[in-house]
Amino acid sequence: MSHDADHEAEAPATPHLDFAGTTPYEDYVQADVLTHLQHLRSDDPGEMVFLVTTQVMELWFTVIVHEWETAARALGSDDVPTAVAALKRSVRELDALNASWRPLGQLTPAQFNSYRAALGEGSGFQSAMYRRMEFLLGDKSASMLVPHRGAHRVHAELEKALQEPSLYDEVLRLLARRGHAVPRAVLDRDVSLKYEPSAEVEAVWTRLYAGDENDELARLGEALTDVAELVWRWRNDHLVATRRAMGAKTGTGGSAGVAWLEKRAGRNVFPELWTARSHV
């Protein structure tokens, strides 16, 4: 074989460029749809980053809901490894979600005010996908469905999420099946209501953490704690970004703004996983 033939054989293949319709990449990713969803309502150049960042957050909410629903189903089938794998993926996704605050975290009041009026009564408080995240974490309230009554598919999805066991409910049911003393009142509670901490559940986690740290359920507890920590960071980053952009003014959509976020930031997800540590 000649030197020229060797060179020709080693040359990189030319990508396929000629397609009858849209590219396979476009068919799969729908990039043209995604990049034309930005309909600005002001002339301020800063509105674009605010809008795109918010849309990116919604996409991360969607991925994280998928992971937590996967974990909940796996726990219901006693498949802890699949549940832990989904939770670990969600930790990386929560990291990316939390990083979304960086483009917005240093907005001055003047910069935010330049396009705030374009939001009208719109508020992140109204995000249905974020509400599904919170429902999966056990923070449920039927009143949170009210803003979505006019969007039938969204309302139905939220109603379904409200009535289903949360991720933490599935964790506690698994603990009970494994012989741990989770109270019947916790197992039989109305899962459409907000989860309230239990001293008996705290005692279960205390015993697990005082035992073999490589135990499957102890590792599940740590994966849940990783999730809880990043949810707490999300809420605090939201609080700081809002406080910096608008101080203590009333939020968009009529919310209490910073006061509301301060209340939310003070809540721990999976509470007994935190309080049990004081007893180990």
C-alpha atoms as a PDB file:
ATOM      1  CA  MET A   1       0.000   0.000   0.000  1.00  0.00           C
ATOM      2  CA  SER A   2       1.341   3.437  -0.971  1.00  0.00           C
ATOM      3  CA  HIS A   3       2.085   6.282   1.443  1.00  0.00           C
ATOM      4  CA  ASP A   4      -0.795   8.256  -0.137  1.00  0.00           C
ATOM      5  CA  ALA A   5      -3.186   5.383   0.499  1.00  0.00           C
ATOM      6  CA  ASP A   6      -2.058   5.192   4.135  1.00  0.00           C
ATOM      7  CA  HIS A   7      -2.661   8.933   4.544  1.00  0.00           C
ATOM      8  CA  GLU A   8      -6.095   8.632   2.945  1.00  0.00           C
ATOM      9  CA  ALA A   9      -7.037   5.767   5.253  1.00  0.00           C
ATOM     10  CA  GLU A  10      -6.046   7.770   8.330  1.00  0.00           C
ATOM     11  CA  ALA A  11      -7.922  10.942   7.332  1.00  0.00           C
ATOM     12  CA  PRO A  12     -10.920  11.699   9.539  1.00  0.00           C
ATOM     13  CA  ALA A  13     -14.302  10.900   8.068  1.00  0.00           C
ATOM     14  CA  THR A  14     -16.291  13.845   6.773  1.00  0.00           C
ATOM     15  CA  PRO A  15     -19.474  14.371   8.819  1.00  0.00           C
ATOM     16  CA  HIS A  16     -22.730  13.690   7.020  1.00  0.00           C
ATOM     17  CA  LEU A  17     -24.029  17.141   6.145  1.00  0.00           C
ATOM     18  CA  ASP A  18     -26.843  16.568   3.653  1.00  0.00           C
ATOM     19  CA  PHE A  19     -30.237  15.733   5.189  1.00  0.00           C
ATOM     20  CA  ALA A  20     -33.603  15.645   3.488  1.00  0.00           C
ATOM     21  CA  GLY A  21     -35.286  17.484   6.348  1.00  0.00           C
ATOM     22  CA  THR A  22     -34.131  18.761   9.706  1.00  0.00           C
ATOM     23  CA  THR A  23     -30.971  17.273  11.192  1.00  0.00           C
ATOM     24  CA  PRO A  24     -31.183  14.226  13.503  1.00  0.00           C
ATOM     25  CA  TYR A  25     -29.749  16.488  16.226  1.00  0.00           C
ATOM     26  CA  GLU A  26     -32.610  18.938  15.787  1.00  0.00           C
ATOM     27  CA  ASP A  27     -35.161  16.133  15.723  1.00  0.00           C
ATOM     28  CA  TYR A  28     -33.859  14.846  19.065  1.00  0.00           C
ATOM     29  CA  VAL A  29     -32.972  18.058  20.940  1.00  0.00           C
ATOM     30  CA  GLN A  30     -35.593  20.398  19.433  1.00  0.00           C
ATOM     31  CA  ALA A  31     -33.028  23.190  19.621  1.00  0.00           C
ATOM     32  CA  ASP A  32     -34.966  25.398  17.226  1.00  0.00           C
ATOM     33  CA  VAL A  33     -37.964  25.258  19.564  1.00  0.00           C
ATOM     34  CA  LEU A  34     -35.850  25.947  22.649  1.00  0.00           C
ATOM     35  CA  THR A  35     -33.983  28.899  21.151  1.00  0.00           C
ATOM     36  CA  HIS A  36     -37.161  30.596  19.934  1.00  0.00           C
ATOM     37  CA  LEU A  37     -39.068  30.495  23.211  1.00  0.00           C
ATOM     38  CA  GLN A  38     -37.686  33.842  24.348  1.00  0.00           C
ATOM     39  CA  HIS A  39     -40.320  36.529  23.810  1.00  0.00           C
ATOM     40  CA  LEU A  40     -38.983  39.659  25.465  1.00  0.00           C
ATOM     41  CA  ARG A  41     -41.385  42.232  26.890  1.00  0.00           C
ATOM     42  CA  SER A  42     -39.008  45.133  27.360  1.00  0.00           C
ATOM     43  CA  ASP A  43     -36.169  46.828  25.507  1.00  0.00           C
ATOM     44  CA  ASP A  44     -33.722  46.222  28.328  1.00  0.00           C
ATOM     45  CA  PRO A  45     -30.807  43.980  27.247  1.00  0.00           C
ATOM     46  CA  GLY A  46     -30.695  42.363  30.695  1.00  0.00           C
ATOM     47  CA  GLU A  47     -34.125  40.810  30.305  1.00  0.00           C
ATOM     48  CA  MET A  48     -32.760  38.084  28.002  1.00  0.00           C
ATOM     49  CA  VAL A  49     -30.461  36.568  30.614  1.00  0.00           C
ATOM     50  CA  PHE A  50     -33.240  36.739  33.225  1.00  0.00           C
ATOM     51  CA  LEU A  51     -35.691  34.954  30.936  1.00  0.00           C
ATOM     52  CA  VAL A  52     -33.270  32.305  29.655  1.00  0.00           C
ATOM     53  CA  THR A  53     -31.944  31.573  33.140  1.00  0.00           C
ATOM     54  CA  THR A  54     -35.498  31.111  34.401  1.00  0.00           C
ATOM     55  CA  GLN A  55     -36.282  28.767  31.504  1.00  0.00           C
ATOM     56  CA  VAL A  56     -33.114  26.766  32.225  1.00  0.00           C
ATOM     57  CA  MET A  57     -34.223  26.454  35.850  1.00  0.00           C
ATOM     58  CA  GLU A  58     -37.538  25.008  34.677  1.00  0.00           C
ATOM     59  CA  LEU A  59     -35.688  22.399  32.615  1.00  0.00           C
ATOM     60  CA  TRP A  60     -33.575  21.404  35.618  1.00  0.00           C
ATOM     61  CA  PHE A  61     -36.750  21.163  37.738  1.00  0.00           C
ATOM     62  CA  THR A  62     -38.105  18.741  35.140  1.00  0.00           C
ATOM     63  CA  VAL A  63     -34.998  16.540  35.227  1.00  0.00           C
ATOM     64  CA  ILE A  64     -34.894  16.496  39.037  1.00  0.00           C
ATOM     65  CA  VAL A  65     -38.590  15.569  39.282  1.00  0.00           C
ATOM     66  CA  HIS A  66     -37.838  12.678  36.917  1.00  0.00           C
ATOM     67  CA  GLU A  67     -34.953  11.502  39.131  1.00  0.00           C
ATOM     68  CA  TRP A  68     -36.947  11.705  42.367  1.00  0.00           C
ATOM     69  CA  GLU A  69     -39.940   9.934  40.846  1.00  0.00           C
ATOM     70  CA  THR A  70     -37.552   7.232  39.615  1.00  0.00           C
ATOM     71  CA  ALA A  71     -36.110   6.947  43.130  1.00  0.00           C
ATOM     72  CA  ALA A  72     -39.578   6.783  44.713  1.00  0.00           C
ATOM     73  CA  ARG A  73     -40.701   3.981  42.375  1.00  0.00           C
ATOM     74  CA  ALA A  74     -37.494   2.061  43.022  1.00  0.00           C
ATOM     75  CA  LEU A  75     -37.930   2.360  46.791  1.00  0.00           C
ATOM     76  CA  GLY A  76     -41.487   1.088  46.446  1.00  0.00           C
ATOM     77  CA  SER A  77     -39.996  -2.016  44.814  1.00  0.00           C
ATOM     78  CA  ASP A  78     -37.245  -2.401  47.444  1.00  0.00           C
ATOM     79  CA  ASP A  79     -34.620  -1.522  44.820  1.00  0.00           C
ATOM     80  CA  VAL A  80     -32.343   0.678  46.916  1.00  0.00           C
ATOM     81  CA  PRO A  81     -29.360   0.741  44.486  1.00  0.00           C
ATOM     82  CA  THR A  82     -31.511   2.163  41.671  1.00  0.00           C
ATOM     83  CA  ALA A  83     -32.981   4.731  44.067  1.00  0.00           C
ATOM     84  CA  VAL A  84     -29.551   5.809  45.349  1.00  0.00           C
ATOM     85  CA  ALA A  85     -28.221   6.091  41.778  1.00  0.00           C
ATOM     86  CA  ALA A  86     -31.123   8.400  40.860  1.00  0.00           C
ATOM     87  CA  LEU A  87     -30.604  10.473  44.009  1.00  0.00           C
ATOM     88  CA  LYS A  88     -26.882  10.820  43.260  1.00  0.00           C
ATOM     89  CA  ARG A  89     -27.650  11.985  39.725  1.00  0.00           C
ATOM     90  CA  SER A  90     -30.070  14.519  41.154  1.00  0.00           C
ATOM     91  CA  VAL A  91     -27.329  15.884  43.417  1.00  0.00           C
ATOM     92  CA  ARG A  92     -25.241  16.765  40.377  1.00  0.00           C
ATOM     93  CA  GLU A  93     -28.318  18.246  38.728  1.00  0.00           C
ATOM     94  CA  LEU A  94     -29.102  20.296  41.841  1.00  0.00           C
ATOM     95  CA  ASP A  95     -25.547  21.626  41.700  1.00  0.00           C
ATOM     96  CA  ALA A  96     -26.187  22.783  38.132  1.00  0.00           C
ATOM     97  CA  LEU A  97     -29.581  24.209  39.107  1.00  0.00           C
ATOM     98  CA  ASN A  98     -28.077  26.162  41.988  1.00  0.00           C
ATOM     99  CA  ALA A  99     -25.381  27.536  39.678  1.00  0.00           C
ATOM    100  CA  SER A 100     -28.212  29.128  37.686  1.00  0.00           C
ATOM    101  CA  TRP A 101     -28.361  31.852  40.324  1.00  0.00           C
ATOM    102  CA  ARG A 102     -24.915  33.121  39.325  1.00  0.00           C
ATOM    103  CA  PRO A 103     -26.074  35.172  36.313  1.00  0.00           C
ATOM    104  CA  LEU A 104     -28.803  36.739  38.480  1.00  0.00           C
ATOM    105  CA  GLY A 105     -27.172  36.823  41.888  1.00  0.00           C
ATOM    106  CA  GLN A 106     -25.582  40.261  41.519  1.00  0.00           C
ATOM    107  CA  LEU A 107     -28.464  42.192  40.010  1.00  0.00           C
ATOM    108  CA  THR A 108     -28.718  45.699  41.432  1.00  0.00           C
ATOM    109  CA  PRO A 109     -32.185  47.130  42.171  1.00  0.00           C
ATOM    110  CA  ALA A 110     -31.845  49.476  39.198  1.00  0.00           C
ATOM    111  CA  GLN A 111     -30.971  46.616  36.841  1.00  0.00           C
ATOM    112  CA  PHE A 112     -33.881  44.484  38.018  1.00  0.00           C
ATOM    113  CA  ASN A 113     -36.309  47.402  37.933  1.00  0.00           C
ATOM    114  CA  SER A 114     -35.406  48.070  34.302  1.00  0.00           C
ATOM    115  CA  TYR A 115     -37.456  45.045  33.218  1.00  0.00           C
ATOM    116  CA  ARG A 116     -39.358  44.016  36.353  1.00  0.00           C
ATOM    117  CA  ALA A 117     -42.586  45.543  35.069  1.00  0.00           C
ATOM    118  CA  ALA A 118     -42.421  43.108  32.127  1.00  0.00           C
ATOM    119  CA  LEU A 119     -43.064  40.251  34.556  1.00  0.00           C
ATOM    120  CA  GLY A 120     -46.481  41.611  35.423  1.00  0.00           C
ATOM    121  CA  GLU A 121     -47.923  39.305  38.079  1.00  0.00           C
ATOM    122  CA  GLY A 122     -45.537  36.505  37.093  1.00  0.00           C
ATOM    123  CA  SER A 123     -43.542  34.938  39.935  1.00  0.00           C
ATOM    124  CA  GLY A 124     -41.411  31.865  40.466  1.00  0.00           C
ATOM    125  CA  PHE A 125     -43.900  31.058  43.223  1.00  0.00           C
ATOM    126  CA  GLN A 126     -46.215  30.001  40.383  1.00  0.00           C
ATOM    127  CA  SER A 127     -43.845  27.373  38.906  1.00  0.00           C
ATOM    128  CA  ALA A 128     -45.789  24.112  38.655  1.00  0.00           C
ATOM    129  CA  MET A 129     -42.698  21.977  38.134  1.00  0.00           C
ATOM    130  CA  TYR A 130     -41.002  23.447  41.203  1.00  0.00           C
ATOM    131  CA  ARG A 131     -44.189  22.712  43.126  1.00  0.00           C
ATOM    132  CA  ARG A 132     -43.926  19.093  42.029  1.00  0.00           C
ATOM    133  CA  MET A 133     -40.384  19.064  43.401  1.00  0.00           C
ATOM    134  CA  GLU A 134     -41.617  20.333  46.744  1.00  0.00           C
ATOM    135  CA  PHE A 135     -44.457  17.794  46.820  1.00  0.00           C
ATOM    136  CA  LEU A 136     -41.934  15.001  46.246  1.00  0.00           C
ATOM    137  CA  LEU A 137     -39.948  16.317  49.211  1.00  0.00           C
ATOM    138  CA  GLY A 138     -43.060  16.065  51.416  1.00  0.00           C
ATOM    139  CA  ASP A 139     -43.843  19.789  51.510  1.00  0.00           C
ATOM    140  CA  LYS A 140     -47.456  19.570  50.354  1.00  0.00           C
ATOM    141  CA  SER A 141     -50.408  21.920  50.385  1.00  0.00           C
ATOM    142  CA  ALA A 142     -53.632  21.693  48.375  1.00  0.00           C
ATOM    143  CA  SER A 143     -53.736  25.494  48.198  1.00  0.00           C
ATOM    144  CA  MET A 144     -50.698  25.409  45.920  1.00  0.00           C
ATOM    145  CA  LEU A 145     -52.903  23.947  43.171  1.00  0.00           C
ATOM    146  CA  VAL A 146     -55.138  27.035  43.088  1.00  0.00           C
ATOM    147  CA  PRO A 147     -52.921  29.153  40.761  1.00  0.00           C
ATOM    148  CA  HIS A 148     -53.048  26.378  38.140  1.00  0.00           C
ATOM    149  CA  ARG A 149     -56.812  25.842  37.901  1.00  0.00           C
ATOM    150  CA  GLY A 150     -56.859  27.398  34.430  1.00  0.00           C
ATOM    151  CA  ALA A 151     -54.198  25.011  33.042  1.00  0.00           C
ATOM    152  CA  HIS A 152     -55.939  21.646  33.027  1.00  0.00           C
ATOM    153  CA  ARG A 153     -52.979  19.362  32.265  1.00  0.00           C
ATOM    154  CA  VAL A 154     -50.723  21.103  34.772  1.00  0.00           C
ATOM    155  CA  HIS A 155     -53.440  21.054  37.433  1.00  0.00           C
ATOM    156  CA  ALA A 156     -54.050  17.335  36.878  1.00  0.00           C
ATOM    157  CA  GLU A 157     -50.355  16.542  37.182  1.00  0.00           C
ATOM    158  CA  LEU A 158     -50.113  18.529  40.411  1.00  0.00           C
ATOM    159  CA  GLU A 159     -53.256  16.917  41.818  1.00  0.00           C
ATOM    160  CA  LYS A 160     -51.759  13.498  41.092  1.00  0.00           C
ATOM    161  CA  ALA A 161     -48.475  14.474  42.777  1.00  0.00           C
ATOM    162  CA  LEU A 162     -50.390  15.808  45.793  1.00  0.00           C
ATOM    163  CA  GLN A 163     -52.249  12.526  46.295  1.00  0.00           C
ATOM    164  CA  GLU A 164     -49.253  10.222  45.764  1.00  0.00           C
ATOM    165  CA  PRO A 165     -46.725   9.309  48.466  1.00  0.00           C
ATOM    166  CA  SER A 166     -43.724  11.639  48.516  1.00  0.00           C
ATOM    167  CA  LEU A 167     -40.173  10.418  48.068  1.00  0.00           C
ATOM    168  CA  TYR A 168     -39.747  10.510  51.848  1.00  0.00           C
ATOM    169  CA  ASP A 169     -42.994   8.572  52.371  1.00  0.00           C
ATOM    170  CA  GLU A 170     -41.530   5.793  50.221  1.00  0.00           C
ATOM    171  CA  VAL A 171     -38.309   5.913  52.254  1.00  0.00           C
ATOM    172  CA  LEU A 172     -40.227   5.485  55.512  1.00  0.00           C
ATOM    173  CA  ARG A 173     -42.301   2.631  54.099  1.00  0.00           C
ATOM    174  CA  LEU A 174     -39.089   0.893  53.056  1.00  0.00           C
ATOM    175  CA  LEU A 175     -37.654   1.337  56.552  1.00  0.00           C
ATOM    176  CA  ALA A 176     -40.786  -0.245  58.004  1.00  0.00           C
ATOM    177  CA  ARG A 177     -40.601  -3.211  55.609  1.00  0.00           C
ATOM    178  CA  ARG A 178     -36.991  -3.699  56.674  1.00  0.00           C
ATOM    179  CA  GLY A 179     -38.119  -4.085  60.275  1.00  0.00           C
ATOM    180  CA  HIS A 180     -37.541  -0.588  61.637  1.00  0.00           C
ATOM    181  CA  ALA A 181     -40.023   0.918  64.093  1.00  0.00           C
ATOM    182  CA  VAL A 182     -41.694   3.537  61.931  1.00  0.00           C
ATOM    183  CA  PRO A 183     -45.003   4.371  63.682  1.00  0.00           C
ATOM    184  CA  ARG A 184     -48.241   3.205  62.092  1.00  0.00           C
ATOM    185  CA  ALA A 185     -49.545   6.777  62.344  1.00  0.00           C
ATOM    186  CA  VAL A 186     -46.714   7.911  60.054  1.00  0.00           C
ATOM    187  CA  LEU A 187     -47.213   5.061  57.589  1.00  0.00           C
ATOM    188  CA  ASP A 188     -50.990   5.550  57.408  1.00  0.00           C
ATOM    189  CA  ARG A 189     -51.019   9.333  57.376  1.00  0.00           C
ATOM    190  CA  ASP A 190     -52.805  11.384  54.710  1.00  0.00           C
ATOM    191  CA  VAL A 191     -49.996  11.770  52.166  1.00  0.00           C
ATOM    192  CA  SER A 192     -51.649  14.851  50.632  1.00  0.00           C
ATOM    193  CA  LEU A 193     -50.694  16.797  53.769  1.00  0.00           C
ATOM    194  CA  LYS A 194     -47.313  18.291  54.652  1.00  0.00           C
ATOM    195  CA  TYR A 195     -45.003  15.822  56.375  1.00  0.00           C
ATOM    196  CA  GLU A 196     -44.463  16.578  60.054  1.00  0.00           C
ATOM    197  CA  PRO A 197     -41.376  15.327  61.953  1.00  0.00           C
ATOM    198  CA  SER A 198     -41.699  12.285  64.203  1.00  0.00           C
ATOM    199  CA  ALA A 199     -39.610  11.496  67.283  1.00  0.00           C
ATOM    200  CA  GLU A 200     -39.935   7.789  66.508  1.00  0.00           C
ATOM    201  CA  VAL A 201     -38.644   8.268  62.957  1.00  0.00           C
ATOM    202  CA  GLU A 202     -35.762  10.301  64.394  1.00  0.00           C
ATOM    203  CA  ALA A 203     -34.966   7.326  66.652  1.00  0.00           C
ATOM    204  CA  VAL A 204     -34.901   5.003  63.610  1.00  0.00           C
ATOM    205  CA  TRP A 205     -32.366   7.188  61.840  1.00  0.00           C
ATOM    206  CA  THR A 206     -30.352   7.502  65.059  1.00  0.00           C
ATOM    207  CA  ARG A 207     -30.038   3.724  65.291  1.00  0.00           C
ATOM    208  CA  LEU A 208     -29.095   3.425  61.625  1.00  0.00           C
ATOM    209  CA  TYR A 209     -26.406   6.097  61.915  1.00  0.00           C
ATOM    210  CA  ALA A 210     -25.047   4.585  65.122  1.00  0.00           C
ATOM    211  CA  GLY A 211     -24.576   1.250  63.333  1.00  0.00           C
ATOM    212  CA  ASP A 212     -22.635   0.213  60.231  1.00  0.00           C
ATOM    213  CA  GLU A 213     -22.072   3.297  58.078  1.00  0.00           C
ATOM    214  CA  ASN A 214     -21.790   1.033  55.024  1.00  0.00           C
ATOM    215  CA  ASP A 215     -25.266  -0.374  55.612  1.00  0.00           C
ATOM    216  CA  GLU A 216     -27.484   0.090  52.547  1.00  0.00           C
ATOM    217  CA  LEU A 217     -30.043   2.147  54.458  1.00  0.00           C
ATOM    218  CA  ALA A 218     -27.383   4.352  56.035  1.00  0.00           C
ATOM    219  CA  ARG A 219     -26.038   5.081  52.531  1.00  0.00           C
ATOM    220  CA  LEU A 220     -29.589   5.877  51.431  1.00  0.00           C
ATOM    221  CA  GLY A 221     -29.811   8.315  54.337  1.00  0.00           C
ATOM    222  CA  GLU A 222     -26.640  10.060  53.209  1.00  0.00           C
ATOM    223  CA  ALA A 223     -27.879  10.326  49.622  1.00  0.00           C
ATOM    224  CA  LEU A 224     -31.073  11.925  50.919  1.00  0.00           C
ATOM    225  CA  THR A 225     -29.043  14.270  53.114  1.00  0.00           C
ATOM    226  CA  ASP A 226     -27.014  15.365  50.082  1.00  0.00           C
ATOM    227  CA  VAL A 227     -30.275  16.215  48.339  1.00  0.00           C
ATOM    228  CA  ALA A 228     -31.605  18.043  51.398  1.00  0.00           C
ATOM    229  CA  GLU A 229     -28.455  20.127  51.737  1.00  0.00           C
ATOM    230  CA  LEU A 230     -28.605  21.312  48.132  1.00  0.00           C
ATOM    231  CA  VAL A 231     -32.325  22.111  48.405  1.00  0.00           C
ATOM    232  CA  TRP A 232     -31.463  24.247  51.435  1.00  0.00           C
ATOM    233  CA  ARG A 233     -28.714  25.963  49.425  1.00  0.00           C
ATOM    234  CA  TRP A 234     -31.139  26.589  46.557  1.00  0.00           C
ATOM    235  CA  ARG A 235     -33.577  28.301  48.884  1.00  0.00           C
ATOM    236  CA  ASN A 236     -30.881  30.416  50.470  1.00  0.00           C
ATOM    237  CA  ASP A 237     -29.355  31.414  47.127  1.00  0.00           C
ATOM    238  CA  HIS A 238     -32.843  32.431  45.994  1.00  0.00           C
ATOM    239  CA  LEU A 239     -33.250  34.494  49.151  1.00  0.00           C
ATOM    240  CA  VAL A 240     -29.898  36.261  48.740  1.00  0.00           C
ATOM    241  CA  ALA A 241     -30.463  37.006  45.039  1.00  0.00           C
ATOM    242  CA  THR A 242     -33.922  38.416  45.782  1.00  0.00           C
ATOM    243  CA  ARG A 243     -32.741  40.485  48.726  1.00  0.00           C
ATOM    244  CA  ARG A 244     -29.956  41.936  46.590  1.00  0.00           C
ATOM    245  CA  ALA A 245     -32.228  42.771  43.635  1.00  0.00           C
ATOM    246  CA  MET A 246     -35.257  44.155  45.441  1.00  0.00           C
ATOM    247  CA  GLY A 247     -34.648  44.383  49.172  1.00  0.00           C
ATOM    248  CA  ALA A 248     -37.780  43.896  51.285  1.00  0.00           C
ATOM    249  CA  LYS A 249     -40.264  45.108  48.674  1.00  0.00           C
ATOM    250  CA  THR A 250     -43.362  43.087  47.844  1.00  0.00           C
ATOM    251  CA  GLY A 251     -42.512  40.328  45.379  1.00  0.00           C
ATOM    252  CA  THR A 252     -43.902  39.940  41.886  1.00  0.00           C
ATOM    253  CA  GLY A 253     -47.278  38.234  41.874  1.00  0.00           C
ATOM    254  CA  GLY A 254     -48.163  39.760  45.237  1.00  0.00           C
ATOM    255  CA  SER A 255     -45.932  37.473  47.294  1.00  0.00           C
ATOM    256  CA  ALA A 256     -44.236  38.707  50.444  1.00  0.00           C
ATOM    257  CA  GLY A 257     -40.895  38.569  48.643  1.00  0.00           C
ATOM    258  CA  VAL A 258     -37.942  38.281  50.997  1.00  0.00           C
ATOM    259  CA  ALA A 259     -40.143  37.598  54.032  1.00  0.00           C
ATOM    260  CA  TRP A 260     -41.668  34.568  52.293  1.00  0.00           C
ATOM    261  CA  LEU A 261     -38.281  33.285  51.180  1.00  0.00           C
ATOM    262  CA  GLU A 262     -36.813  33.696  54.670  1.00  0.00           C
ATOM    263  CA  LYS A 263     -39.570  31.500  56.037  1.00  0.00           C
ATOM    264  CA  ARG A 264     -38.917  28.860  53.368  1.00  0.00           C
ATOM    265  CA  ALA A 265     -35.149  28.953  53.830  1.00  0.00           C
ATOM    266  CA  GLY A 266     -35.507  28.070  57.498  1.00  0.00           C
ATOM    267  CA  ARG A 267     -37.107  24.695  56.755  1.00  0.00           C
ATOM    268  CA  ASN A 268     -35.105  21.480  56.501  1.00  0.00           C
ATOM    269  CA  VAL A 269     -36.002  18.760  54.035  1.00  0.00           C
ATOM    270  CA  PHE A 270     -36.181  15.225  55.543  1.00  0.00           C
ATOM    271  CA  PRO A 271     -36.019  16.759  59.044  1.00  0.00           C
ATOM    272  CA  GLU A 272     -35.227  13.649  61.120  1.00  0.00           C
ATOM    273  CA  LEU A 273     -32.085  13.012  59.066  1.00  0.00           C
ATOM    274  CA  TRP A 274     -30.751  16.258  60.531  1.00  0.00           C
ATOM    275  CA  THR A 275     -32.007  16.038  64.109  1.00  0.00           C
ATOM    276  CA  ALA A 276     -30.898  12.398  64.518  1.00  0.00           C
ATOM    277  CA  ARG A 277     -27.276  13.480  64.187  1.00  0.00           C
ATOM    278  CA  SER A 278     -27.441  15.144  67.582  1.00  0.00           C
ATOM    279  CA  HIS A 279     -28.058  11.741  69.185  1.00  0.00           C
ATOM    280  CA  VAL A 280     -25.398   9.625  67.464  1.00  0.00           C
END
